[in-house]
Amino acid sequence: NSTIIRIGDVFGVGQRHGNLFKAIAASIANNQPLRLFGRGLKLRSFIHIDELVSLLRFVSDELDSSQNINTVINGSVHDATTVRD
C-alpha cells in the first residue's frame, strides 16, 4: 500500500523562501506593475500551509492502511497559474 502526496508550492505567514508573494506585495505597496522574469509563463500550483496541514492530517487519520490501495493526491489548488496571469 502506498500514498503519494504531490505537494505544490507552499506559502504562508513567516515564509522565508519564494519571492513571488513578496514581489506581489511590493508591487502593490509601490503601485508598480509586477516585474516578470522571462515571459512569466511557468505554471505554478500553490497551497497555503494551513491547508497542507489539514490535508496531511486527513491522510494520516482517514486513509485506512489496511485496505489494499495505492493513492496519489495532489496537494495544491486545482488550477495552476502563471506569474503573467
PDB file of N, CA and C in Angstrom:
ATOM      1  N   ASN A   1       0.848  -1.191   0.000  1.00  0.00           N
ATOM      2  CA  ASN A   1       0.000   0.000   0.000  1.00  0.00           C
ATOM      3  C   ASN A   1       0.883   1.240   0.000  1.00  0.00           C
ATOM      4  N   SER A   2       0.436   2.240  -0.699  1.00  0.00           N
ATOM      5  CA  SER A   2       1.203   3.489  -0.700  1.00  0.00           C
ATOM      6  C   SER A   2       0.272   4.677  -0.905  1.00  0.00           C
ATOM      7  N   THR A   3       0.680   5.791  -0.329  1.00  0.00           N
ATOM      8  CA  THR A   3       0.021   7.067  -0.569  1.00  0.00           C
ATOM      9  C   THR A   3       1.101   8.051  -0.976  1.00  0.00           C
ATOM     10  N   ILE A   4       0.918   8.646  -2.131  1.00  0.00           N
ATOM     11  CA  ILE A   4       1.854   9.646  -2.629  1.00  0.00           C
ATOM     12  C   ILE A   4       1.148  10.986  -2.600  1.00  0.00           C
ATOM     13  N   ILE A   5       1.778  11.980  -1.976  1.00  0.00           N
ATOM     14  CA  ILE A   5       1.217  13.330  -1.936  1.00  0.00           C
ATOM     15  C   ILE A   5       2.157  14.239  -2.712  1.00  0.00           C
ATOM     16  N   ARG A   6       1.644  14.767  -3.802  1.00  0.00           N
ATOM     17  CA  ARG A   6       2.413  15.699  -4.635  1.00  0.00           C
ATOM     18  C   ARG A   6       2.087  17.108  -4.155  1.00  0.00           C
ATOM     19  N   ILE A   7       3.023  17.694  -3.403  1.00  0.00           N
ATOM     20  CA  ILE A   7       2.784  18.982  -2.757  1.00  0.00           C
ATOM     21  C   ILE A   7       3.229  20.120  -3.671  1.00  0.00           C
ATOM     22  N   GLY A   8       2.341  21.084  -3.864  1.00  0.00           N
ATOM     23  CA  GLY A   8       2.662  22.268  -4.666  1.00  0.00           C
ATOM     24  C   GLY A   8       3.537  23.220  -3.882  1.00  0.00           C
ATOM     25  N   ASP A   9       3.688  24.426  -4.392  1.00  0.00           N
ATOM     26  CA  ASP A   9       4.474  25.459  -3.703  1.00  0.00           C
ATOM     27  C   ASP A   9       3.709  25.915  -2.469  1.00  0.00           C
ATOM     28  N   VAL A  10       4.326  25.777  -1.317  1.00  0.00           N
ATOM     29  CA  VAL A  10       3.692  26.108  -0.040  1.00  0.00           C
ATOM     30  C   VAL A  10       3.959  27.574   0.282  1.00  0.00           C
ATOM     31  N   PHE A  11       2.912  28.272   0.747  1.00  0.00           N
ATOM     32  CA  PHE A  11       3.098  29.662   1.164  1.00  0.00           C
ATOM     33  C   PHE A  11       2.322  29.902   2.442  1.00  0.00           C
ATOM     34  N   GLY A  12       2.705  30.956   3.162  1.00  0.00           N
ATOM     35  CA  GLY A  12       2.012  31.306   4.392  1.00  0.00           C
ATOM     36  C   GLY A  12       2.817  32.283   5.224  1.00  0.00           C
ATOM     37  N   VAL A  13       2.275  32.609   6.393  1.00  0.00           N
ATOM     38  CA  VAL A  13       2.905  33.557   7.303  1.00  0.00           C
ATOM     39  C   VAL A  13       4.280  33.039   7.709  1.00  0.00           C
ATOM     40  N   GLY A  14       5.266  33.920   7.716  1.00  0.00           N
ATOM     41  CA  GLY A  14       6.610  33.554   8.109  1.00  0.00           C
ATOM     42  C   GLY A  14       7.419  32.886   7.020  1.00  0.00           C
ATOM     43  N   GLN A  15       6.893  32.886   5.815  1.00  0.00           N
ATOM     44  CA  GLN A  15       7.577  32.257   4.684  1.00  0.00           C
ATOM     45  C   GLN A  15       8.949  32.893   4.501  1.00  0.00           C
ATOM     46  N   ARG A  16       9.968  32.062   4.340  1.00  0.00           N
ATOM     47  CA  ARG A  16      11.330  32.567   4.202  1.00  0.00           C
ATOM     48  C   ARG A  16      11.931  32.283   2.820  1.00  0.00           C
ATOM     49  N   HIS A  17      11.179  31.686   1.949  1.00  0.00           N
ATOM     50  CA  HIS A  17      11.682  31.398   0.611  1.00  0.00           C
ATOM     51  C   HIS A  17      10.587  31.711  -0.389  1.00  0.00           C
ATOM     52  N   GLY A  18      10.934  31.720  -1.626  1.00  0.00           N
ATOM     53  CA  GLY A  18       9.939  32.018  -2.655  1.00  0.00           C
ATOM     54  C   GLY A  18       9.645  33.499  -2.691  1.00  0.00           C
ATOM     55  N   ASN A  19       9.974  34.121  -3.772  1.00  0.00           N
ATOM     56  CA  ASN A  19       9.844  35.570  -3.851  1.00  0.00           C
ATOM     57  C   ASN A  19       8.574  36.054  -4.519  1.00  0.00           C
ATOM     58  N   LEU A  20       7.743  35.148  -5.031  1.00  0.00           N
ATOM     59  CA  LEU A  20       6.559  35.588  -5.763  1.00  0.00           C
ATOM     60  C   LEU A  20       5.634  36.430  -4.894  1.00  0.00           C
ATOM     61  N   PHE A  21       5.289  35.948  -3.709  1.00  0.00           N
ATOM     62  CA  PHE A  21       4.342  36.689  -2.878  1.00  0.00           C
ATOM     63  C   PHE A  21       4.952  37.981  -2.340  1.00  0.00           C
ATOM     64  N   LYS A  22       6.267  37.978  -2.084  1.00  0.00           N
ATOM     65  CA  LYS A  22       6.953  39.212  -1.683  1.00  0.00           C
ATOM     66  C   LYS A  22       6.915  40.224  -2.825  1.00  0.00           C
ATOM     67  N   ALA A  23       7.139  39.756  -4.040  1.00  0.00           N
ATOM     68  CA  ALA A  23       7.109  40.642  -5.207  1.00  0.00           C
ATOM     69  C   ALA A  23       5.713  41.219  -5.428  1.00  0.00           C
ATOM     70  N   ILE A  24       4.686  40.415  -5.228  1.00  0.00           N
ATOM     71  CA  ILE A  24       3.306  40.898  -5.376  1.00  0.00           C
ATOM     72  C   ILE A  24       3.012  41.979  -4.341  1.00  0.00           C
ATOM     73  N   ALA A  25       3.404  41.731  -3.087  1.00  0.00           N
ATOM     74  CA  ALA A  25       3.171  42.716  -2.018  1.00  0.00           C
ATOM     75  C   ALA A  25       3.924  44.014  -2.298  1.00  0.00           C
ATOM     76  N   ALA A  26       5.180  43.916  -2.741  1.00  0.00           N
ATOM     77  CA  ALA A  26       5.961  45.115  -3.061  1.00  0.00           C
ATOM     78  C   ALA A  26       5.359  45.867  -4.237  1.00  0.00           C
ATOM     79  N   SER A  27       4.872  45.135  -5.219  1.00  0.00           N
ATOM     80  CA  SER A  27       4.247  45.750  -6.387  1.00  0.00           C
ATOM     81  C   SER A  27       3.021  46.566  -5.979  1.00  0.00           C
ATOM     82  N   ILE A  28       2.222  45.987  -5.100  1.00  0.00           N
ATOM     83  CA  ILE A  28       1.024  46.694  -4.621  1.00  0.00           C
ATOM     84  C   ILE A  28       1.414  47.899  -3.775  1.00  0.00           C
ATOM     85  N   ALA A  29       2.363  47.695  -2.845  1.00  0.00           N
ATOM     86  CA  ALA A  29       2.770  48.776  -1.942  1.00  0.00           C
ATOM     87  C   ALA A  29       3.381  49.952  -2.702  1.00  0.00           C
ATOM     88  N   ASN A  30       4.129  49.656  -3.761  1.00  0.00           N
ATOM     89  CA  ASN A  30       4.799  50.709  -4.522  1.00  0.00           C
ATOM     90  C   ASN A  30       4.006  51.179  -5.733  1.00  0.00           C
ATOM     91  N   ASN A  31       2.803  50.615  -5.904  1.00  0.00           N
ATOM     92  CA  ASN A  31       1.939  50.965  -7.019  1.00  0.00           C
ATOM     93  C   ASN A  31       2.674  50.848  -8.359  1.00  0.00           C
ATOM     94  N   GLN A  32       3.379  49.718  -8.525  1.00  0.00           N
ATOM     95  CA  GLN A  32       4.123  49.446  -9.749  1.00  0.00           C
ATOM     96  C   GLN A  32       3.698  48.093 -10.295  1.00  0.00           C
ATOM     97  N   PRO A  33       3.826  47.900 -11.608  1.00  0.00           N
ATOM     98  CA  PRO A  33       3.475  46.594 -12.172  1.00  0.00           C
ATOM     99  C   PRO A  33       4.440  45.511 -11.679  1.00  0.00           C
ATOM    100  N   LEU A  34       3.951  44.302 -11.651  1.00  0.00           N
ATOM    101  CA  LEU A  34       4.762  43.155 -11.258  1.00  0.00           C
ATOM    102  C   LEU A  34       5.829  42.914 -12.315  1.00  0.00           C
ATOM    103  N   ARG A  35       7.064  42.794 -11.880  1.00  0.00           N
ATOM    104  CA  ARG A  35       8.176  42.572 -12.813  1.00  0.00           C
ATOM    105  C   ARG A  35       8.235  41.100 -13.204  1.00  0.00           C
ATOM    106  N   LEU A  36       8.274  40.848 -14.485  1.00  0.00           N
ATOM    107  CA  LEU A  36       8.360  39.477 -14.983  1.00  0.00           C
ATOM    108  C   LEU A  36       9.803  39.118 -15.293  1.00  0.00           C
ATOM    109  N   PHE A  37      10.157  37.884 -14.989  1.00  0.00           N
ATOM    110  CA  PHE A  37      11.447  37.335 -15.388  1.00  0.00           C
ATOM    111  C   PHE A  37      11.153  36.370 -16.518  1.00  0.00           C
ATOM    112  N   GLY A  38      11.741  36.610 -17.662  1.00  0.00           N
ATOM    113  CA  GLY A  38      11.369  35.836 -18.835  1.00  0.00           C
ATOM    114  C   GLY A  38       9.986  36.281 -19.283  1.00  0.00           C
ATOM    115  N   ARG A  39       9.202  35.338 -19.752  1.00  0.00           N
ATOM    116  CA  ARG A  39       7.846  35.664 -20.217  1.00  0.00           C
ATOM    117  C   ARG A  39       6.797  35.449 -19.135  1.00  0.00           C
ATOM    118  N   GLY A  40       7.188  34.907 -17.994  1.00  0.00           N
ATOM    119  CA  GLY A  40       6.250  34.708 -16.893  1.00  0.00           C
ATOM    120  C   GLY A  40       5.246  33.605 -17.134  1.00  0.00           C
ATOM    121  N   LEU A  41       5.610  32.609 -17.936  1.00  0.00           N
ATOM    122  CA  LEU A  41       4.651  31.579 -18.341  1.00  0.00           C
ATOM    123  C   LEU A  41       4.808  30.247 -17.606  1.00  0.00           C
ATOM    124  N   LYS A  42       5.772  30.138 -16.698  1.00  0.00           N
ATOM    125  CA  LYS A  42       5.961  28.884 -15.971  1.00  0.00           C
ATOM    126  C   LYS A  42       4.740  28.620 -15.082  1.00  0.00           C
ATOM    127  N   LEU A  43       4.169  27.426 -15.211  1.00  0.00           N
ATOM    128  CA  LEU A  43       2.998  27.070 -14.408  1.00  0.00           C
ATOM    129  C   LEU A  43       3.403  26.769 -12.979  1.00  0.00           C
ATOM    130  N   ARG A  44       2.631  27.275 -12.030  1.00  0.00           N
ATOM    131  CA  ARG A  44       2.872  27.033 -10.607  1.00  0.00           C
ATOM    132  C   ARG A  44       1.551  26.638  -9.960  1.00  0.00           C
ATOM    133  N   SER A  45       1.637  25.719  -9.013  1.00  0.00           N
ATOM    134  CA  SER A  45       0.478  25.322  -8.213  1.00  0.00           C
ATOM    135  C   SER A  45       0.795  25.612  -6.760  1.00  0.00           C
ATOM    136  N   PHE A  46      -0.097  26.267  -6.065  1.00  0.00           N
ATOM    137  CA  PHE A  46       0.162  26.722  -4.708  1.00  0.00           C
ATOM    138  C   PHE A  46      -0.770  26.044  -3.707  1.00  0.00           C
ATOM    139  N   ILE A  47      -0.321  26.006  -2.454  1.00  0.00           N
ATOM    140  CA  ILE A  47      -1.159  25.568  -1.345  1.00  0.00           C
ATOM    141  C   ILE A  47      -0.728  26.350  -0.107  1.00  0.00           C
ATOM    142  N   HIS A  48      -1.694  26.853   0.638  1.00  0.00           N
ATOM    143  CA  HIS A  48      -1.398  27.568   1.879  1.00  0.00           C
ATOM    144  C   HIS A  48      -1.008  26.547   2.941  1.00  0.00           C
ATOM    145  N   ILE A  49      -0.082  26.912   3.806  1.00  0.00           N
ATOM    146  CA  ILE A  49       0.433  25.989   4.813  1.00  0.00           C
ATOM    147  C   ILE A  49      -0.689  25.395   5.673  1.00  0.00           C
ATOM    148  N   ASP A  50      -1.694  26.190   6.025  1.00  0.00           N
ATOM    149  CA  ASP A  50      -2.804  25.678   6.842  1.00  0.00           C
ATOM    150  C   ASP A  50      -3.579  24.586   6.110  1.00  0.00           C
ATOM    151  N   GLU A  51      -3.771  24.766   4.807  1.00  0.00           N
ATOM    152  CA  GLU A  51      -4.466  23.751   4.012  1.00  0.00           C
ATOM    153  C   GLU A  51      -3.625  22.481   3.883  1.00  0.00           C
ATOM    154  N   LEU A  52      -2.318  22.648   3.751  1.00  0.00           N
ATOM    155  CA  LEU A  52      -1.433  21.488   3.668  1.00  0.00           C
ATOM    156  C   LEU A  52      -1.465  20.686   4.963  1.00  0.00           C
ATOM    157  N   VAL A  53      -1.430  21.369   6.091  1.00  0.00           N
ATOM    158  CA  VAL A  53      -1.503  20.675   7.382  1.00  0.00           C
ATOM    159  C   VAL A  53      -2.816  19.906   7.491  1.00  0.00           C
ATOM    160  N   SER A  54      -3.916  20.521   7.090  1.00  0.00           N
ATOM    161  CA  SER A  54      -5.218  19.827   7.114  1.00  0.00           C
ATOM    162  C   SER A  54      -5.205  18.600   6.215  1.00  0.00           C
ATOM    163  N   LEU A  55      -4.618  18.726   5.042  1.00  0.00           N
ATOM    164  CA  LEU A  55      -4.531  17.598   4.124  1.00  0.00           C
ATOM    165  C   LEU A  55      -3.716  16.458   4.731  1.00  0.00           C
ATOM    166  N   LEU A  56      -2.568  16.784   5.308  1.00  0.00           N
ATOM    167  CA  LEU A  56      -1.720  15.750   5.904  1.00  0.00           C
ATOM    168  C   LEU A  56      -2.417  15.071   7.084  1.00  0.00           C
ATOM    169  N   ARG A  57      -3.146  15.846   7.877  1.00  0.00           N
ATOM    170  CA  ARG A  57      -3.925  15.251   8.979  1.00  0.00           C
ATOM    171  C   ARG A  57      -4.997  14.321   8.439  1.00  0.00           C
ATOM    172  N   PHE A  58      -5.691  14.756   7.404  1.00  0.00           N
ATOM    173  CA  PHE A  58      -6.725  13.920   6.796  1.00  0.00           C
ATOM    174  C   PHE A  58      -6.133  12.607   6.314  1.00  0.00           C
ATOM    175  N   VAL A  59      -5.030  12.693   5.584  1.00  0.00           N
ATOM    176  CA  VAL A  59      -4.399  11.484   5.058  1.00  0.00           C
ATOM    177  C   VAL A  59      -3.991  10.567   6.196  1.00  0.00           C
ATOM    178  N   SER A  60      -3.423  11.145   7.239  1.00  0.00           N
ATOM    179  CA  SER A  60      -2.969  10.351   8.380  1.00  0.00           C
ATOM    180  C   SER A  60      -4.135   9.707   9.126  1.00  0.00           C
ATOM    181  N   ASP A  61      -5.214  10.447   9.313  1.00  0.00           N
ATOM    182  CA  ASP A  61      -6.338   9.981  10.136  1.00  0.00           C
ATOM    183  C   ASP A  61      -7.355   9.142   9.374  1.00  0.00           C
ATOM    184  N   GLU A  62      -7.606   9.472   8.120  1.00  0.00           N
ATOM    185  CA  GLU A  62      -8.748   8.903   7.421  1.00  0.00           C
ATOM    186  C   GLU A  62      -8.440   7.768   6.453  1.00  0.00           C
ATOM    187  N   LEU A  63      -7.265   7.777   5.878  1.00  0.00           N
ATOM    188  CA  LEU A  63      -6.971   6.706   4.943  1.00  0.00           C
ATOM    189  C   LEU A  63      -6.638   5.438   5.707  1.00  0.00           C
ATOM    190  N   ASP A  64      -7.318   4.388   5.387  1.00  0.00           N
ATOM    191  CA  ASP A  64      -7.185   3.111   6.087  1.00  0.00           C
ATOM    192  C   ASP A  64      -6.036   2.314   5.491  1.00  0.00           C
ATOM    193  N   SER A  65      -4.974   2.142   6.266  1.00  0.00           N
ATOM    194  CA  SER A  65      -3.801   1.438   5.748  1.00  0.00           C
ATOM    195  C   SER A  65      -4.034  -0.057   5.584  1.00  0.00           C
ATOM    196  N   SER A  66      -5.165  -0.555   6.117  1.00  0.00           N
ATOM    197  CA  SER A  66      -5.441  -1.986   5.965  1.00  0.00           C
ATOM    198  C   SER A  66      -6.038  -2.307   4.598  1.00  0.00           C
ATOM    199  N   GLN A  67      -6.505  -1.287   3.880  1.00  0.00           N
ATOM    200  CA  GLN A  67      -7.048  -1.504   2.544  1.00  0.00           C
ATOM    201  C   GLN A  67      -5.900  -1.654   1.558  1.00  0.00           C
ATOM    202  N   ASN A  68      -6.090  -2.493   0.592  1.00  0.00           N
ATOM    203  CA  ASN A  68      -5.053  -2.722  -0.406  1.00  0.00           C
ATOM    204  C   ASN A  68      -5.219  -1.707  -1.537  1.00  0.00           C
ATOM    205  N   ILE A  69      -4.786  -0.471  -1.274  1.00  0.00           N
ATOM    206  CA  ILE A  69      -4.942   0.583  -2.281  1.00  0.00           C
ATOM    207  C   ILE A  69      -3.648   1.376  -2.417  1.00  0.00           C
ATOM    208  N   ASN A  70      -3.469   1.952  -3.572  1.00  0.00           N
ATOM    209  CA  ASN A  70      -2.409   2.912  -3.829  1.00  0.00           C
ATOM    210  C   ASN A  70      -3.093   4.217  -4.185  1.00  0.00           C
ATOM    211  N   THR A  71      -2.676   5.298  -3.559  1.00  0.00           N
ATOM    212  CA  THR A  71      -3.344   6.578  -3.722  1.00  0.00           C
ATOM    213  C   THR A  71      -2.338   7.656  -4.102  1.00  0.00           C
ATOM    214  N   VAL A  72      -2.720   8.500  -5.046  1.00  0.00           N
ATOM    215  CA  VAL A  72      -1.925   9.678  -5.387  1.00  0.00           C
ATOM    216  C   VAL A  72      -2.812  10.892  -5.149  1.00  0.00           C
ATOM    217  N   ILE A  73      -2.321  11.845  -4.356  1.00  0.00           N
ATOM    218  CA  ILE A  73      -3.075  13.047  -4.018  1.00  0.00           C
ATOM    219  C   ILE A  73      -2.257  14.264  -4.444  1.00  0.00           C
ATOM    220  N   ASN A  74      -2.886  15.192  -5.155  1.00  0.00           N
ATOM    221  CA  ASN A  74      -2.241  16.456  -5.489  1.00  0.00           C
ATOM    222  C   ASN A  74      -2.563  17.456  -4.396  1.00  0.00           C
ATOM    223  N   GLY A  75      -1.544  17.889  -3.682  1.00  0.00           N
ATOM    224  CA  GLY A  75      -1.723  18.841  -2.588  1.00  0.00           C
ATOM    225  C   GLY A  75      -1.470  20.254  -3.054  1.00  0.00           C
ATOM    226  N   SER A  76      -2.411  20.807  -3.798  1.00  0.00           N
ATOM    227  CA  SER A  76      -2.309  22.179  -4.295  1.00  0.00           C
ATOM    228  C   SER A  76      -3.682  22.604  -4.804  1.00  0.00           C
ATOM    229  N   VAL A  77      -3.768  23.859  -5.232  1.00  0.00           N
ATOM    230  CA  VAL A  77      -5.030  24.322  -5.804  1.00  0.00           C
ATOM    231  C   VAL A  77      -5.298  23.544  -7.088  1.00  0.00           C
ATOM    232  N   HIS A  78      -6.548  23.474  -7.478  1.00  0.00           N
ATOM    233  CA  HIS A  78      -6.944  22.688  -8.651  1.00  0.00           C
ATOM    234  C   HIS A  78      -6.320  23.222  -9.935  1.00  0.00           C
ATOM    235  N   ASP A  79      -6.335  24.536 -10.093  1.00  0.00           N
ATOM    236  CA  ASP A  79      -5.839  25.151 -11.327  1.00  0.00           C
ATOM    237  C   ASP A  79      -4.476  25.787 -11.091  1.00  0.00           C
ATOM    238  N   ALA A  80      -3.510  25.424 -11.900  1.00  0.00           N
ATOM    239  CA  ALA A  80      -2.191  26.058 -11.848  1.00  0.00           C
ATOM    240  C   ALA A  80      -2.317  27.469 -12.439  1.00  0.00           C
ATOM    241  N   THR A  81      -1.352  28.327 -12.119  1.00  0.00           N
ATOM    242  CA  THR A  81      -1.355  29.694 -12.648  1.00  0.00           C
ATOM    243  C   THR A  81       0.064  30.077 -13.034  1.00  0.00           C
ATOM    244  N   THR A  82       0.183  31.148 -13.762  1.00  0.00           N
ATOM    245  CA  THR A  82       1.489  31.686 -14.132  1.00  0.00           C
ATOM    246  C   THR A  82       1.648  33.060 -13.506  1.00  0.00           C
ATOM    247  N   VAL A  83       2.881  33.560 -13.450  1.00  0.00           N
ATOM    248  CA  VAL A  83       3.098  34.923 -12.950  1.00  0.00           C
ATOM    249  C   VAL A  83       2.394  35.913 -13.863  1.00  0.00           C
ATOM    250  N   ARG A  84       2.437  35.678 -15.154  1.00  0.00           N
ATOM    251  CA  ARG A  84       1.756  36.579 -16.097  1.00  0.00           C
ATOM    252  C   ARG A  84       0.259  36.667 -15.777  1.00  0.00           C
ATOM    253  N   ASP A  85      -0.363  35.512 -15.458  1.00  0.00           N
ATOM    254  CA  ASP A  85      -1.792  35.514 -15.115  1.00  0.00           C
ATOM    255  C   ASP A  85      -2.038  36.310 -13.847  1.00  0.00           C
TER     256      ASP A  85
END
